[in-house]
Amino acid sequence: MSEAVRDTTSDIPQASWIDRLAPEFARPYLRLARMERPIGTWLLVIPCWWSVSLATEGWPDLWLFTLFAVGSLVMRGAGCTVNDIVDRDFDARVARTAGRPIASGSISLYQAFAFLSLQLLLGLSVLIQFNHFSIILGVSSLTFVVIYPFMKRITYWPQLFLGLTFNWGALMGWAAVKEGLALSALVLYAAGILWTLGYDTIYAHQDKEDDILVGIKSTALKFGAATPLFLVVFYAGTIALLALSGITAGLSWPYFIAIAMAGGHLGWQVRTVDTDNPKSCLSKFRSNRDFGLIVLVGIIAGQVIS
């Protein structure tokens, strides 16, 4: 490992449930899929649940919620596997990521591709439970899954491509209910992209020193000290588009109360995050699960009460 790279602790949690409960042979694969770090799955499934609820009058379909939860768990893991295959040389040069299974050699490249094939098969088994239009839409999302890991090499806006990828569920959920798309779903998708631009910029500030050393680009490096201003723009746009999506879908007043509360949460993130403190960045990033659940409760309440 290069001596120029700062000495940071590994991003692999110590003494997680994987170490306590999983058989030894399975531990590297579970870590590769980030099974001990559920925040990524939350951020992937929440736009799906938003969209299902937005498209459903009254209470949302719990079977669809379950399918999207399982699919998000599997495909988030597949995305992590793709990312670690592509980034294996970068990861090996950074103390925080050097312990990841592929970078450390605990999983070979061949084993990683075999595991990825299994994950994609599991994802396909979930996808085929949906209607024909949703299946086509779901398969098309793989383009973003594949290209996203390469974007940090060629643009300072990889967070934009993550937003395009992670919020595909805002289209999928609507399609699963309606067998098509509508303006409300498209606006919801745009809101999710801006939301991701905000929270992943915060996340990227954890790695900015290492990113400079190994030549990786990010919005954190692009914005620098001006990050709070950009967060205000992204998060204000998120709330405005969420409101517009609710209006076009005909949601009632509880939704807009929830949106105001969610806006307050994003404002708290901007006011309190210290972009030079990795722990502060990580805690604010993780808090976006709570933001997403506030919006979800608002959508369901806005549908049920209307």
C-alpha atoms as a PDB file:
ATOM      1  CA  MET A   1       0.000   0.000   0.000  1.00  0.00           C
ATOM      2  CA  SER A   2       1.293   3.455  -0.844  1.00  0.00           C
ATOM      3  CA  GLU A   3       2.703   5.366   2.140  1.00  0.00           C
ATOM      4  CA  ALA A   4       1.128   8.517   0.680  1.00  0.00           C
ATOM      5  CA  VAL A   5      -2.353   7.237   1.437  1.00  0.00           C
ATOM      6  CA  ARG A   6      -3.549   8.308   4.843  1.00  0.00           C
ATOM      7  CA  ASP A   7      -3.877   5.678   7.522  1.00  0.00           C
ATOM      8  CA  THR A   8      -7.573   5.273   8.189  1.00  0.00           C
ATOM      9  CA  THR A   9      -9.527   2.449   9.712  1.00  0.00           C
ATOM     10  CA  SER A  10     -11.261  -0.081   7.505  1.00  0.00           C
ATOM     11  CA  ASP A  11     -14.803   0.592   6.364  1.00  0.00           C
ATOM     12  CA  ILE A  12     -15.713  -3.012   7.244  1.00  0.00           C
ATOM     13  CA  PRO A  13     -17.566  -3.009  10.590  1.00  0.00           C
ATOM     14  CA  GLN A  14     -15.891  -5.015  13.309  1.00  0.00           C
ATOM     15  CA  ALA A  15     -17.784  -7.763  15.172  1.00  0.00           C
ATOM     16  CA  SER A  16     -20.884  -7.418  13.001  1.00  0.00           C
ATOM     17  CA  TRP A  17     -23.604 -10.045  12.781  1.00  0.00           C
ATOM     18  CA  ILE A  18     -21.633 -11.614   9.927  1.00  0.00           C
ATOM     19  CA  ASP A  19     -18.751 -12.416  12.290  1.00  0.00           C
ATOM     20  CA  ARG A  20     -21.097 -13.734  14.982  1.00  0.00           C
ATOM     21  CA  LEU A  21     -23.602 -15.728  12.952  1.00  0.00           C
ATOM     22  CA  ALA A  22     -22.443 -16.494   9.417  1.00  0.00           C
ATOM     23  CA  PRO A  23     -20.367 -19.584   8.540  1.00  0.00           C
ATOM     24  CA  GLU A  24     -16.771 -18.702   7.779  1.00  0.00           C
ATOM     25  CA  PHE A  25     -16.917 -19.583   4.056  1.00  0.00           C
ATOM     26  CA  ALA A  26     -19.847 -17.180   3.532  1.00  0.00           C
ATOM     27  CA  ARG A  27     -18.406 -14.160   5.342  1.00  0.00           C
ATOM     28  CA  PRO A  28     -16.367 -12.679   2.457  1.00  0.00           C
ATOM     29  CA  TYR A  29     -19.375 -12.906   0.123  1.00  0.00           C
ATOM     30  CA  LEU A  30     -21.716 -11.309   2.631  1.00  0.00           C
ATOM     31  CA  ARG A  31     -19.202  -8.503   3.142  1.00  0.00           C
ATOM     32  CA  LEU A  32     -18.817  -8.107  -0.619  1.00  0.00           C
ATOM     33  CA  ALA A  33     -22.603  -7.580  -0.833  1.00  0.00           C
ATOM     34  CA  ARG A  34     -22.426  -5.131   2.142  1.00  0.00           C
ATOM     35  CA  MET A  35     -25.018  -7.184   4.014  1.00  0.00           C
ATOM     36  CA  GLU A  36     -23.818  -5.780   7.330  1.00  0.00           C
ATOM     37  CA  ARG A  37     -24.455  -2.199   6.088  1.00  0.00           C
ATOM     38  CA  PRO A  38     -28.166  -1.939   5.238  1.00  0.00           C
ATOM     39  CA  ILE A  39     -28.283   1.805   4.511  1.00  0.00           C
ATOM     40  CA  GLY A  40     -27.635   1.210   0.803  1.00  0.00           C
ATOM     41  CA  THR A  41     -30.571  -1.175   0.605  1.00  0.00           C
ATOM     42  CA  TRP A  42     -32.797   1.348   2.369  1.00  0.00           C
ATOM     43  CA  LEU A  43     -31.831   4.089  -0.088  1.00  0.00           C
ATOM     44  CA  LEU A  44     -32.526   1.760  -3.013  1.00  0.00           C
ATOM     45  CA  VAL A  45     -35.886   0.432  -1.834  1.00  0.00           C
ATOM     46  CA  ILE A  46     -37.382   3.671  -0.528  1.00  0.00           C
ATOM     47  CA  PRO A  47     -37.977   5.229  -4.003  1.00  0.00           C
ATOM     48  CA  CYS A  48     -39.670   1.949  -5.002  1.00  0.00           C
ATOM     49  CA  TRP A  49     -41.995   2.145  -2.012  1.00  0.00           C
ATOM     50  CA  TRP A  50     -42.651   5.834  -2.670  1.00  0.00           C
ATOM     51  CA  SER A  51     -43.712   5.063  -6.213  1.00  0.00           C
ATOM     52  CA  VAL A  52     -45.891   2.049  -5.374  1.00  0.00           C
ATOM     53  CA  SER A  53     -47.693   4.149  -2.770  1.00  0.00           C
ATOM     54  CA  LEU A  54     -48.008   7.128  -5.089  1.00  0.00           C
ATOM     55  CA  ALA A  55     -49.636   4.946  -7.751  1.00  0.00           C
ATOM     56  CA  THR A  56     -52.066   3.217  -5.355  1.00  0.00           C
ATOM     57  CA  GLU A  57     -55.297   4.684  -4.053  1.00  0.00           C
ATOM     58  CA  GLY A  58     -55.570   3.763  -0.403  1.00  0.00           C
ATOM     59  CA  TRP A  59     -53.141   1.361   1.219  1.00  0.00           C
ATOM     60  CA  PRO A  60     -50.209   0.123  -0.923  1.00  0.00           C
ATOM     61  CA  ASP A  61     -49.838  -3.519  -1.918  1.00  0.00           C
ATOM     62  CA  LEU A  62     -47.662  -5.246   0.707  1.00  0.00           C
ATOM     63  CA  TRP A  63     -46.717  -7.992  -1.767  1.00  0.00           C
ATOM     64  CA  LEU A  64     -45.198  -5.362  -4.055  1.00  0.00           C
ATOM     65  CA  PHE A  65     -43.440  -3.825  -1.059  1.00  0.00           C
ATOM     66  CA  THR A  66     -41.955  -7.233  -0.243  1.00  0.00           C
ATOM     67  CA  LEU A  67     -40.837  -7.916  -3.808  1.00  0.00           C
ATOM     68  CA  PHE A  68     -39.112  -4.552  -4.025  1.00  0.00           C
ATOM     69  CA  ALA A  69     -37.460  -5.073  -0.630  1.00  0.00           C
ATOM     70  CA  VAL A  70     -36.030  -8.440  -1.664  1.00  0.00           C
ATOM     71  CA  GLY A  71     -35.063  -7.147  -5.099  1.00  0.00           C
ATOM     72  CA  SER A  72     -33.329  -4.104  -3.602  1.00  0.00           C
ATOM     73  CA  LEU A  73     -31.372  -6.245  -1.156  1.00  0.00           C
ATOM     74  CA  VAL A  74     -30.168  -8.513  -3.954  1.00  0.00           C
ATOM     75  CA  MET A  75     -29.456  -5.823  -6.544  1.00  0.00           C
ATOM     76  CA  ARG A  76     -27.753  -3.491  -4.101  1.00  0.00           C
ATOM     77  CA  GLY A  77     -25.435  -6.408  -3.346  1.00  0.00           C
ATOM     78  CA  ALA A  78     -24.905  -7.002  -7.056  1.00  0.00           C
ATOM     79  CA  GLY A  79     -24.072  -3.333  -7.532  1.00  0.00           C
ATOM     80  CA  CYS A  80     -21.504  -3.518  -4.734  1.00  0.00           C
ATOM     81  CA  THR A  81     -19.956  -6.583  -6.364  1.00  0.00           C
ATOM     82  CA  VAL A  82     -19.682  -4.795  -9.721  1.00  0.00           C
ATOM     83  CA  ASN A  83     -18.244  -1.736  -8.002  1.00  0.00           C
ATOM     84  CA  ASP A  84     -15.599  -3.746  -6.124  1.00  0.00           C
ATOM     85  CA  ILE A  85     -14.612  -5.693  -9.246  1.00  0.00           C
ATOM     86  CA  VAL A  86     -14.065  -2.446 -11.149  1.00  0.00           C
ATOM     87  CA  ASP A  87     -12.389  -0.637  -8.230  1.00  0.00           C
ATOM     88  CA  ARG A  88     -10.231  -3.496  -6.944  1.00  0.00           C
ATOM     89  CA  ASP A  89      -6.937  -1.757  -7.774  1.00  0.00           C
ATOM     90  CA  PHE A  90      -8.043   1.572  -6.279  1.00  0.00           C
ATOM     91  CA  ASP A  91      -9.409  -0.150  -3.168  1.00  0.00           C
ATOM     92  CA  ALA A  92      -6.117  -1.941  -2.560  1.00  0.00           C
ATOM     93  CA  ARG A  93      -4.306   1.418  -2.418  1.00  0.00           C
ATOM     94  CA  VAL A  94      -6.559   2.992   0.215  1.00  0.00           C
ATOM     95  CA  ALA A  95      -6.425   1.930   3.866  1.00  0.00           C
ATOM     96  CA  ARG A  96     -10.177   2.337   4.370  1.00  0.00           C
ATOM     97  CA  THR A  97     -11.037  -0.067   1.530  1.00  0.00           C
ATOM     98  CA  ALA A  98      -7.991  -2.343   1.409  1.00  0.00           C
ATOM     99  CA  GLY A  99      -9.757  -4.932   3.558  1.00  0.00           C
ATOM    100  CA  ARG A 100     -12.629  -5.402   1.107  1.00  0.00           C
ATOM    101  CA  PRO A 101     -12.858  -9.021  -0.058  1.00  0.00           C
ATOM    102  CA  ILE A 102     -11.627  -8.609  -3.642  1.00  0.00           C
ATOM    103  CA  ALA A 103      -8.954  -6.007  -2.860  1.00  0.00           C
ATOM    104  CA  SER A 104      -7.608  -8.116   0.017  1.00  0.00           C
ATOM    105  CA  GLY A 105      -7.647 -11.340  -1.993  1.00  0.00           C
ATOM    106  CA  SER A 106     -10.118 -13.209   0.202  1.00  0.00           C
ATOM    107  CA  ILE A 107     -12.309 -13.539  -2.904  1.00  0.00           C
ATOM    108  CA  SER A 108     -10.722 -14.099  -6.313  1.00  0.00           C
ATOM    109  CA  LEU A 109     -11.891 -12.300  -9.419  1.00  0.00           C
ATOM    110  CA  TYR A 110     -13.351 -15.562 -10.740  1.00  0.00           C
ATOM    111  CA  GLN A 111     -15.262 -16.127  -7.490  1.00  0.00           C
ATOM    112  CA  ALA A 112     -16.538 -12.538  -7.599  1.00  0.00           C
ATOM    113  CA  PHE A 113     -17.938 -12.997 -11.109  1.00  0.00           C
ATOM    114  CA  ALA A 114     -19.537 -16.293 -10.085  1.00  0.00           C
ATOM    115  CA  PHE A 115     -21.133 -14.593  -7.077  1.00  0.00           C
ATOM    116  CA  LEU A 116     -22.326 -11.737  -9.296  1.00  0.00           C
ATOM    117  CA  SER A 117     -23.971 -14.255 -11.635  1.00  0.00           C
ATOM    118  CA  LEU A 118     -25.829 -15.768  -8.682  1.00  0.00           C
ATOM    119  CA  GLN A 119     -26.968 -12.337  -7.510  1.00  0.00           C
ATOM    120  CA  LEU A 120     -28.240 -11.432 -10.971  1.00  0.00           C
ATOM    121  CA  LEU A 121     -30.138 -14.714 -11.214  1.00  0.00           C
ATOM    122  CA  LEU A 122     -31.787 -14.026  -7.870  1.00  0.00           C
ATOM    123  CA  GLY A 123     -32.629 -10.507  -9.037  1.00  0.00           C
ATOM    124  CA  LEU A 124     -34.142 -11.890 -12.225  1.00  0.00           C
ATOM    125  CA  SER A 125     -36.269 -14.335 -10.218  1.00  0.00           C
ATOM    126  CA  VAL A 126     -37.757 -11.345  -8.397  1.00  0.00           C
ATOM    127  CA  LEU A 127     -38.127  -9.219 -11.525  1.00  0.00           C
ATOM    128  CA  ILE A 128     -40.193 -11.807 -13.402  1.00  0.00           C
ATOM    129  CA  GLN A 129     -42.868 -11.566 -10.688  1.00  0.00           C
ATOM    130  CA  PHE A 130     -43.814  -8.152 -12.121  1.00  0.00           C
ATOM    131  CA  ASN A 131     -45.792  -7.258 -15.231  1.00  0.00           C
ATOM    132  CA  HIS A 132     -44.216  -7.272 -18.706  1.00  0.00           C
ATOM    133  CA  PHE A 133     -43.637  -3.514 -18.864  1.00  0.00           C
ATOM    134  CA  SER A 134     -41.903  -3.555 -15.455  1.00  0.00           C
ATOM    135  CA  ILE A 135     -39.647  -6.403 -16.542  1.00  0.00           C
ATOM    136  CA  ILE A 136     -38.452  -4.463 -19.591  1.00  0.00           C
ATOM    137  CA  LEU A 137     -37.977  -1.359 -17.451  1.00  0.00           C
ATOM    138  CA  GLY A 138     -36.051  -3.319 -14.836  1.00  0.00           C
ATOM    139  CA  VAL A 139     -33.702  -4.906 -17.349  1.00  0.00           C
ATOM    140  CA  SER A 140     -32.957  -1.488 -18.836  1.00  0.00           C
ATOM    141  CA  SER A 141     -31.677  -0.292 -15.453  1.00  0.00           C
ATOM    142  CA  LEU A 142     -28.689  -2.628 -15.764  1.00  0.00           C
ATOM    143  CA  THR A 143     -27.084  -0.117 -18.118  1.00  0.00           C
ATOM    144  CA  PHE A 144     -26.672   2.338 -15.252  1.00  0.00           C
ATOM    145  CA  VAL A 145     -25.590  -0.418 -12.844  1.00  0.00           C
ATOM    146  CA  VAL A 146     -22.733  -1.327 -15.190  1.00  0.00           C
ATOM    147  CA  ILE A 147     -21.539   2.161 -16.160  1.00  0.00           C
ATOM    148  CA  TYR A 148     -21.786   3.850 -12.758  1.00  0.00           C
ATOM    149  CA  PRO A 149     -18.514   2.465 -11.298  1.00  0.00           C
ATOM    150  CA  PHE A 150     -16.575   3.891 -14.250  1.00  0.00           C
ATOM    151  CA  MET A 151     -17.968   7.422 -13.969  1.00  0.00           C
ATOM    152  CA  LYS A 152     -15.690   8.433 -11.085  1.00  0.00           C
ATOM    153  CA  ARG A 153     -12.762   8.041 -13.485  1.00  0.00           C
ATOM    154  CA  ILE A 154     -14.066  10.391 -16.159  1.00  0.00           C
ATOM    155  CA  THR A 155     -16.350  12.963 -14.532  1.00  0.00           C
ATOM    156  CA  TYR A 156     -16.703  14.940 -11.315  1.00  0.00           C
ATOM    157  CA  TRP A 157     -20.400  13.994 -11.371  1.00  0.00           C
ATOM    158  CA  PRO A 158     -20.509  10.257 -10.568  1.00  0.00           C
ATOM    159  CA  GLN A 159     -23.162  11.112  -7.963  1.00  0.00           C
ATOM    160  CA  LEU A 160     -25.487  12.066 -10.822  1.00  0.00           C
ATOM    161  CA  PHE A 161     -25.116   8.597 -12.318  1.00  0.00           C
ATOM    162  CA  LEU A 162     -25.676   7.041  -8.906  1.00  0.00           C
ATOM    163  CA  GLY A 163     -28.900   9.049  -8.711  1.00  0.00           C
ATOM    164  CA  LEU A 164     -30.006   7.771 -12.103  1.00  0.00           C
ATOM    165  CA  THR A 165     -29.310   4.222 -10.887  1.00  0.00           C
ATOM    166  CA  PHE A 166     -30.560   4.264  -7.296  1.00  0.00           C
ATOM    167  CA  ASN A 167     -33.845   5.998  -8.068  1.00  0.00           C
ATOM    168  CA  TRP A 168     -34.917   3.758 -10.939  1.00  0.00           C
ATOM    169  CA  GLY A 169     -37.379   2.282  -8.483  1.00  0.00           C
ATOM    170  CA  ALA A 170     -39.361   5.523  -8.648  1.00  0.00           C
ATOM    171  CA  LEU A 171     -40.268   4.410 -12.171  1.00  0.00           C
ATOM    172  CA  MET A 172     -40.467   0.694 -11.371  1.00  0.00           C
ATOM    173  CA  GLY A 173     -42.965   1.072  -8.531  1.00  0.00           C
ATOM    174  CA  TRP A 174     -45.406   3.050 -10.635  1.00  0.00           C
ATOM    175  CA  ALA A 175     -44.994   0.623 -13.540  1.00  0.00           C
ATOM    176  CA  ALA A 176     -45.637  -2.361 -11.259  1.00  0.00           C
ATOM    177  CA  VAL A 177     -49.012  -0.881 -10.286  1.00  0.00           C
ATOM    178  CA  LYS A 178     -50.092   0.874 -13.483  1.00  0.00           C
ATOM    179  CA  GLU A 179     -48.244  -1.108 -16.199  1.00  0.00           C
ATOM    180  CA  GLY A 180     -46.969   2.171 -17.610  1.00  0.00           C
ATOM    181  CA  LEU A 181     -45.503   5.520 -16.601  1.00  0.00           C
ATOM    182  CA  ALA A 182     -46.973   8.947 -15.892  1.00  0.00           C
ATOM    183  CA  LEU A 183     -45.837  12.469 -15.063  1.00  0.00           C
ATOM    184  CA  SER A 184     -46.032  11.864 -11.302  1.00  0.00           C
ATOM    185  CA  ALA A 185     -43.523   9.001 -11.542  1.00  0.00           C
ATOM    186  CA  LEU A 186     -41.148  10.976 -13.770  1.00  0.00           C
ATOM    187  CA  VAL A 187     -41.192  13.935 -11.396  1.00  0.00           C
ATOM    188  CA  LEU A 188     -40.635  11.587  -8.453  1.00  0.00           C
ATOM    189  CA  TYR A 189     -37.643  10.120 -10.276  1.00  0.00           C
ATOM    190  CA  ALA A 190     -36.184  13.596 -10.801  1.00  0.00           C
ATOM    191  CA  ALA A 191     -36.711  14.388  -7.106  1.00  0.00           C
ATOM    192  CA  GLY A 192     -34.844  11.232  -6.166  1.00  0.00           C
ATOM    193  CA  ILE A 193     -31.914  12.114  -8.408  1.00  0.00           C
ATOM    194  CA  LEU A 194     -31.508  15.494  -6.696  1.00  0.00           C
ATOM    195  CA  TRP A 195     -31.833  13.819  -3.303  1.00  0.00           C
ATOM    196  CA  THR A 196     -29.032  11.405  -4.204  1.00  0.00           C
ATOM    197  CA  LEU A 197     -26.848  14.240  -5.458  1.00  0.00           C
ATOM    198  CA  GLY A 198     -27.173  15.737  -1.985  1.00  0.00           C
ATOM    199  CA  TYR A 199     -26.664  12.727   0.229  1.00  0.00           C
ATOM    200  CA  ASP A 200     -23.918  11.132  -1.850  1.00  0.00           C
ATOM    201  CA  THR A 201     -21.998  14.394  -2.017  1.00  0.00           C
ATOM    202  CA  ILE A 202     -22.023  14.332   1.773  1.00  0.00           C
ATOM    203  CA  TYR A 203     -20.880  10.707   1.719  1.00  0.00           C
ATOM    204  CA  ALA A 204     -18.097  11.463  -0.786  1.00  0.00           C
ATOM    205  CA  HIS A 205     -16.549  14.026   1.561  1.00  0.00           C
ATOM    206  CA  GLN A 206     -15.364  11.092   3.702  1.00  0.00           C
ATOM    207  CA  ASP A 207     -13.039   9.976   0.911  1.00  0.00           C
ATOM    208  CA  LYS A 208     -11.894  13.240  -0.624  1.00  0.00           C
ATOM    209  CA  GLU A 209      -8.269  13.003   0.571  1.00  0.00           C
ATOM    210  CA  ASP A 210      -7.881   9.452  -0.720  1.00  0.00           C
ATOM    211  CA  ASP A 211      -9.741  10.298  -3.927  1.00  0.00           C
ATOM    212  CA  ILE A 212      -7.232  13.029  -4.738  1.00  0.00           C
ATOM    213  CA  LEU A 213      -4.337  10.644  -4.150  1.00  0.00           C
ATOM    214  CA  VAL A 214      -5.663   7.841  -6.349  1.00  0.00           C
ATOM    215  CA  GLY A 215      -7.220  10.053  -9.023  1.00  0.00           C
ATOM    216  CA  ILE A 216     -10.933   9.521  -8.399  1.00  0.00           C
ATOM    217  CA  LYS A 217     -13.402  12.344  -9.084  1.00  0.00           C
ATOM    218  CA  SER A 218     -16.523  13.314  -7.130  1.00  0.00           C
ATOM    219  CA  THR A 219     -18.912  16.178  -6.504  1.00  0.00           C
ATOM    220  CA  ALA A 220     -17.262  16.568  -3.084  1.00  0.00           C
ATOM    221  CA  LEU A 221     -14.029  17.530  -4.849  1.00  0.00           C
ATOM    222  CA  LYS A 222     -15.898  19.570  -7.455  1.00  0.00           C
ATOM    223  CA  PHE A 223     -17.777  21.687  -4.909  1.00  0.00           C
ATOM    224  CA  GLY A 224     -15.192  21.842  -2.116  1.00  0.00           C
ATOM    225  CA  ALA A 225     -15.976  24.550   0.412  1.00  0.00           C
ATOM    226  CA  ALA A 226     -19.076  25.541  -1.585  1.00  0.00           C
ATOM    227  CA  THR A 227     -20.719  22.179  -0.811  1.00  0.00           C
ATOM    228  CA  PRO A 228     -23.334  23.622   1.623  1.00  0.00           C
ATOM    229  CA  LEU A 229     -24.634  25.942  -1.102  1.00  0.00           C
ATOM    230  CA  PHE A 230     -24.988  23.063  -3.555  1.00  0.00           C
ATOM    231  CA  LEU A 231     -26.695  20.959  -0.895  1.00  0.00           C
ATOM    232  CA  VAL A 232     -29.262  23.721  -0.428  1.00  0.00           C
ATOM    233  CA  VAL A 233     -29.920  23.761  -4.185  1.00  0.00           C
ATOM    234  CA  PHE A 234     -30.193  19.966  -4.465  1.00  0.00           C
ATOM    235  CA  TYR A 235     -32.347  19.537  -1.388  1.00  0.00           C
ATOM    236  CA  ALA A 236     -34.611  22.496  -2.193  1.00  0.00           C
ATOM    237  CA  GLY A 237     -35.136  20.994  -5.642  1.00  0.00           C
ATOM    238  CA  THR A 238     -35.893  17.632  -4.036  1.00  0.00           C
ATOM    239  CA  ILE A 239     -38.645  19.076  -1.864  1.00  0.00           C
ATOM    240  CA  ALA A 240     -40.112  21.152  -4.720  1.00  0.00           C
ATOM    241  CA  LEU A 241     -40.270  18.150  -7.038  1.00  0.00           C
ATOM    242  CA  LEU A 242     -41.696  15.901  -4.331  1.00  0.00           C
ATOM    243  CA  ALA A 243     -44.427  18.467  -3.786  1.00  0.00           C
ATOM    244  CA  LEU A 244     -45.101  18.650  -7.536  1.00  0.00           C
ATOM    245  CA  SER A 245     -45.263  14.866  -7.761  1.00  0.00           C
ATOM    246  CA  GLY A 246     -47.812  14.789  -4.965  1.00  0.00           C
ATOM    247  CA  ILE A 247     -49.893  17.494  -6.614  1.00  0.00           C
ATOM    248  CA  THR A 248     -49.984  15.700  -9.956  1.00  0.00           C
ATOM    249  CA  ALA A 249     -50.922  12.458  -8.185  1.00  0.00           C
ATOM    250  CA  GLY A 250     -53.741  14.160  -6.284  1.00  0.00           C
ATOM    251  CA  LEU A 251     -52.432  13.519  -2.772  1.00  0.00           C
ATOM    252  CA  SER A 252     -54.233  15.187   0.115  1.00  0.00           C
ATOM    253  CA  TRP A 253     -52.957  17.512   2.848  1.00  0.00           C
ATOM    254  CA  PRO A 254     -51.123  15.008   5.125  1.00  0.00           C
ATOM    255  CA  TYR A 255     -48.572  14.484   2.386  1.00  0.00           C
ATOM    256  CA  PHE A 256     -47.621  18.144   2.297  1.00  0.00           C
ATOM    257  CA  ILE A 257     -47.233  18.258   6.071  1.00  0.00           C
ATOM    258  CA  ALA A 258     -44.846  15.313   5.778  1.00  0.00           C
ATOM    259  CA  ILE A 259     -42.959  17.063   2.978  1.00  0.00           C
ATOM    260  CA  ALA A 260     -42.495  20.110   5.218  1.00  0.00           C
ATOM    261  CA  MET A 261     -41.140  17.864   7.971  1.00  0.00           C
ATOM    262  CA  ALA A 262     -38.858  16.114   5.482  1.00  0.00           C
ATOM    263  CA  GLY A 263     -37.611  19.497   4.288  1.00  0.00           C
ATOM    264  CA  GLY A 264     -36.773  20.377   7.869  1.00  0.00           C
ATOM    265  CA  HIS A 265     -34.761  17.178   8.125  1.00  0.00           C
ATOM    266  CA  LEU A 266     -32.744  18.033   5.018  1.00  0.00           C
ATOM    267  CA  GLY A 267     -32.212  21.539   6.364  1.00  0.00           C
ATOM    268  CA  TRP A 268     -30.829  19.999   9.563  1.00  0.00           C
ATOM    269  CA  GLN A 269     -28.388  17.968   7.500  1.00  0.00           C
ATOM    270  CA  VAL A 270     -27.085  21.052   5.713  1.00  0.00           C
ATOM    271  CA  ARG A 271     -26.799  23.092   8.923  1.00  0.00           C
ATOM    272  CA  THR A 272     -25.017  20.472  10.997  1.00  0.00           C
ATOM    273  CA  VAL A 273     -22.826  18.457   8.640  1.00  0.00           C
ATOM    274  CA  ASP A 274     -19.083  19.013   8.978  1.00  0.00           C
ATOM    275  CA  THR A 275     -17.656  18.049   5.604  1.00  0.00           C
ATOM    276  CA  ASP A 276     -14.168  17.772   7.094  1.00  0.00           C
ATOM    277  CA  ASN A 277     -15.325  15.240   9.689  1.00  0.00           C
ATOM    278  CA  PRO A 278     -15.917  11.740   8.251  1.00  0.00           C
ATOM    279  CA  LYS A 279     -18.062  10.674  11.215  1.00  0.00           C
ATOM    280  CA  SER A 280     -20.323  13.694  10.741  1.00  0.00           C
ATOM    281  CA  CYS A 281     -20.629  12.957   7.015  1.00  0.00           C
ATOM    282  CA  LEU A 282     -21.472   9.312   7.641  1.00  0.00           C
ATOM    283  CA  SER A 283     -24.121  10.056  10.269  1.00  0.00           C
ATOM    284  CA  LYS A 284     -25.835  12.642   8.053  1.00  0.00           C
ATOM    285  CA  PHE A 285     -25.688  10.279   5.091  1.00  0.00           C
ATOM    286  CA  ARG A 286     -27.298   7.488   7.094  1.00  0.00           C
ATOM    287  CA  SER A 287     -30.028   9.825   8.330  1.00  0.00           C
ATOM    288  CA  ASN A 288     -31.458   9.896   4.802  1.00  0.00           C
ATOM    289  CA  ARG A 289     -33.238   6.657   5.583  1.00  0.00           C
ATOM    290  CA  ASP A 290     -35.324   8.652   8.061  1.00  0.00           C
ATOM    291  CA  PHE A 291     -35.992  11.330   5.455  1.00  0.00           C
ATOM    292  CA  GLY A 292     -37.199   8.695   3.016  1.00  0.00           C
ATOM    293  CA  LEU A 293     -39.497   7.074   5.574  1.00  0.00           C
ATOM    294  CA  ILE A 294     -41.035  10.449   6.496  1.00  0.00           C
ATOM    295  CA  VAL A 295     -41.908  10.994   2.836  1.00  0.00           C
ATOM    296  CA  LEU A 296     -43.262   7.442   2.556  1.00  0.00           C
ATOM    297  CA  VAL A 297     -45.572   7.883   5.533  1.00  0.00           C
ATOM    298  CA  GLY A 298     -46.756  11.149   4.002  1.00  0.00           C
ATOM    299  CA  ILE A 299     -47.555   9.523   0.658  1.00  0.00           C
ATOM    300  CA  ILE A 300     -49.525   6.708   2.281  1.00  0.00           C
ATOM    301  CA  ALA A 301     -51.392   9.106   4.566  1.00  0.00           C
ATOM    302  CA  GLY A 302     -52.097  11.396   1.632  1.00  0.00           C
ATOM    303  CA  GLN A 303     -53.601   8.470  -0.289  1.00  0.00           C
ATOM    304  CA  VAL A 304     -55.573   6.890   2.549  1.00  0.00           C
ATOM    305  CA  ILE A 305     -57.115  10.112   3.808  1.00  0.00           C
ATOM    306  CA  SER A 306     -57.955  11.352   0.331  1.00  0.00           C
END
